[in-house]
Amino acid sequence: MAFAHKEEHLEELCGKLKEAVDCVNIFIRRCLDSSSQIQYEAMTNGTQKLIKDLCTKGSPFRKEYLKHAKCFHRYQQQYRMCSDRYFSYADTFKDEDQTTQIKTWCCNFDRHRLCTYDSVLENCGTDAATLAQNIVITGGGILVDITSPFL
């Protein structure tokens, strides 16, 4: 995610996010059967909530985000290293059995959460780190529920 660090940048980002979400949702409704639609909704519910909270003017989440946004923006390269590691690691276990994949995803997700927290803590402080961790957890959606038994 690009770190919008001013209200006007956030408005611009939210416009683009809304367009993207609307486009994907139209595709999902038109092209997937109802079972696949339910599965998609479950998998993206956290991310969609995150976008809604971030893009609702005056929401507590948006206010908290904007309070830390300049620091997030300044140190986004460190944060991106956590995300890059998280996504690149996914390819290394795609040929494993399903149970191993789930356990590995769980560990990988938890490492990503901790990496994000530690990176932001070091550069922006405890409140910003807690917010960043909550962003990862909320964005993770159902993955958090699936992974919790393995952590």
Protein backbone atom coordinates (compact mmCIF):
# COMPACT_ATOMS: atom_id res chain seq x y z
CA MET A 1 0.00 0.00 0.00
CA ALA A 2 1.27 3.46 -0.81
CA PHE A 3 1.34 5.48 2.37
CA ALA A 4 -0.76 8.57 1.82
CA HIS A 5 0.58 11.03 4.35
CA LYS A 6 -1.83 13.94 3.92
CA GLU A 7 -5.61 14.16 3.84
CA GLU A 8 -5.64 15.10 0.14
CA HIS A 9 -3.34 12.20 -0.76
CA LEU A 10 -5.59 9.86 1.20
CA GLU A 11 -8.64 11.14 -0.68
CA GLU A 12 -6.90 10.45 -3.99
CA LEU A 13 -5.84 6.97 -2.85
CA CYS A 14 -9.34 6.19 -1.58
CA GLY A 15 -10.83 7.17 -4.93
CA LYS A 16 -8.53 4.71 -6.68
CA LEU A 17 -9.18 1.99 -4.09
CA LYS A 18 -12.96 2.44 -4.41
CA GLU A 19 -12.73 2.15 -8.20
CA ALA A 20 -10.64 -1.01 -7.93
CA VAL A 21 -12.90 -2.63 -5.32
CA ASP A 22 -16.04 -1.76 -7.30
CA CYS A 23 -14.51 -3.19 -10.49
CA VAL A 24 -13.50 -6.45 -8.82
CA ASN A 25 -16.87 -6.78 -7.06
CA ILE A 26 -18.71 -6.35 -10.38
CA PHE A 27 -16.50 -9.03 -11.92
CA ILE A 28 -17.12 -11.36 -8.96
CA ARG A 29 -20.91 -10.93 -9.17
CA ARG A 30 -20.97 -11.47 -12.94
CA CYS A 31 -18.44 -14.24 -13.32
CA LEU A 32 -18.38 -16.44 -10.22
CA ASP A 33 -20.97 -18.87 -8.95
CA SER A 34 -22.55 -18.17 -5.55
CA SER A 35 -20.25 -20.57 -3.69
CA SER A 36 -17.15 -18.88 -5.13
CA GLN A 37 -18.63 -15.47 -4.34
CA ILE A 38 -19.06 -16.46 -0.70
CA GLN A 39 -15.51 -17.76 -0.58
CA TYR A 40 -14.17 -14.56 -2.16
CA GLU A 41 -16.12 -12.43 0.32
CA ALA A 42 -14.73 -14.42 3.25
CA MET A 43 -11.17 -14.08 1.95
CA THR A 44 -11.40 -10.32 1.31
CA ASN A 45 -13.68 -9.22 4.13
CA GLY A 46 -10.80 -7.91 6.27
CA THR A 47 -9.24 -5.96 3.43
CA GLN A 48 -12.57 -4.47 2.41
CA LYS A 49 -13.23 -3.43 6.04
CA LEU A 50 -9.80 -1.84 6.19
CA ILE A 51 -10.45 0.16 3.01
CA LYS A 52 -13.89 1.23 4.23
CA ASP A 53 -12.53 2.38 7.61
CA LEU A 54 -9.59 4.17 6.02
CA CYS A 55 -11.73 5.91 3.41
CA THR A 56 -14.58 7.02 5.67
CA LYS A 57 -13.99 10.68 6.51
CA GLY A 58 -13.90 11.26 10.25
CA SER A 59 -13.67 7.57 11.19
CA PRO A 60 -11.56 6.82 14.27
CA PHE A 61 -9.32 4.54 12.19
CA ARG A 62 -8.72 7.24 9.57
CA LYS A 63 -7.87 9.81 12.25
CA GLU A 64 -5.43 7.41 13.89
CA TYR A 65 -3.88 6.53 10.54
CA LEU A 66 -3.39 10.20 9.61
CA LYS A 67 -1.78 10.85 13.00
CA HIS A 68 1.02 8.40 12.08
CA ALA A 69 0.95 8.72 8.29
CA LYS A 70 4.01 10.97 7.92
CA CYS A 71 6.16 8.49 9.81
CA PHE A 72 4.71 5.54 7.89
CA HIS A 73 5.46 7.38 4.66
CA ARG A 74 9.01 8.28 5.72
CA TYR A 75 9.91 4.68 6.58
CA GLN A 76 7.83 2.82 4.00
CA GLN A 77 10.91 1.09 2.52
CA GLN A 78 11.51 -0.79 5.79
CA TYR A 79 7.85 -1.78 5.93
CA ARG A 80 7.91 -2.91 2.30
CA MET A 81 10.80 -5.27 3.08
CA CYS A 82 8.45 -7.11 5.46
CA SER A 83 5.75 -7.36 2.78
CA ASP A 84 8.21 -8.37 0.07
CA ARG A 85 9.55 -11.18 2.26
CA TYR A 86 6.02 -12.29 3.10
CA PHE A 87 4.91 -12.56 -0.52
CA SER A 88 8.14 -13.97 -1.95
CA TYR A 89 8.22 -16.71 0.68
CA ALA A 90 4.80 -17.94 -0.47
CA ASP A 91 6.27 -19.45 -3.63
CA THR A 92 8.67 -21.66 -1.70
CA PHE A 93 6.03 -24.01 -0.30
CA LYS A 94 3.35 -24.13 -3.00
CA ASP A 95 4.14 -27.79 -3.80
CA GLU A 96 3.70 -28.99 -0.20
CA ASP A 97 0.62 -30.85 1.07
CA GLN A 98 -2.29 -28.72 2.30
CA THR A 99 -1.60 -29.13 6.04
CA THR A 100 2.04 -28.12 5.58
CA GLN A 101 0.97 -25.16 3.44
CA ILE A 102 -1.46 -23.94 6.11
CA LYS A 103 1.10 -24.27 8.90
CA THR A 104 3.74 -22.54 6.80
CA TRP A 105 1.34 -19.74 5.85
CA CYS A 106 0.55 -19.28 9.52
CA CYS A 107 4.20 -18.93 10.48
CA ASN A 108 4.83 -16.69 7.48
CA PHE A 109 1.87 -14.45 8.37
CA ASP A 110 3.00 -14.20 11.98
CA ARG A 111 6.55 -13.32 10.88
CA HIS A 112 5.09 -10.61 8.65
CA ARG A 113 3.01 -9.22 11.54
CA LEU A 114 6.03 -9.16 13.85
CA CYS A 115 8.35 -7.71 11.19
CA THR A 116 5.86 -4.92 10.53
CA TYR A 117 5.40 -4.21 14.23
CA ASP A 118 9.15 -4.17 14.95
CA SER A 119 9.97 -2.04 11.92
CA VAL A 120 7.36 0.59 12.75
CA LEU A 121 8.16 0.45 16.48
CA GLU A 122 11.81 1.22 15.81
CA ASN A 123 11.02 4.18 13.56
CA CYS A 124 7.65 5.57 14.68
CA GLY A 125 6.93 4.45 18.26
CA THR A 126 4.54 2.16 20.09
CA ASP A 127 1.22 3.70 19.04
CA ALA A 128 2.16 3.64 15.36
CA ALA A 129 3.48 0.07 15.66
CA THR A 130 0.24 -1.07 17.29
CA LEU A 131 -1.75 0.57 14.49
CA ALA A 132 0.45 -1.04 11.82
CA GLN A 133 0.02 -4.44 13.47
CA ASN A 134 -3.75 -3.93 13.58
CA ILE A 135 -3.70 -3.05 9.88
CA VAL A 136 -1.92 -6.33 9.11
CA ILE A 137 -4.34 -8.30 11.31
CA THR A 138 -7.47 -6.64 9.90
CA GLY A 139 -6.20 -6.95 6.34
CA GLY A 140 -5.43 -10.61 6.99
CA GLY A 141 -9.11 -11.23 7.66
CA ILE A 142 -9.97 -14.92 7.73
CA LEU A 143 -6.28 -15.83 7.55
CA VAL A 144 -5.96 -14.67 11.17
CA ASP A 145 -8.72 -17.09 12.22
CA ILE A 146 -7.16 -19.94 10.26
CA THR A 147 -3.66 -19.32 11.59
CA SER A 148 -4.41 -18.82 15.28
CA PRO A 149 -4.51 -22.55 16.17
CA PHE A 150 -1.02 -22.99 14.71
CA LEU A 151 0.64 -20.11 16.58
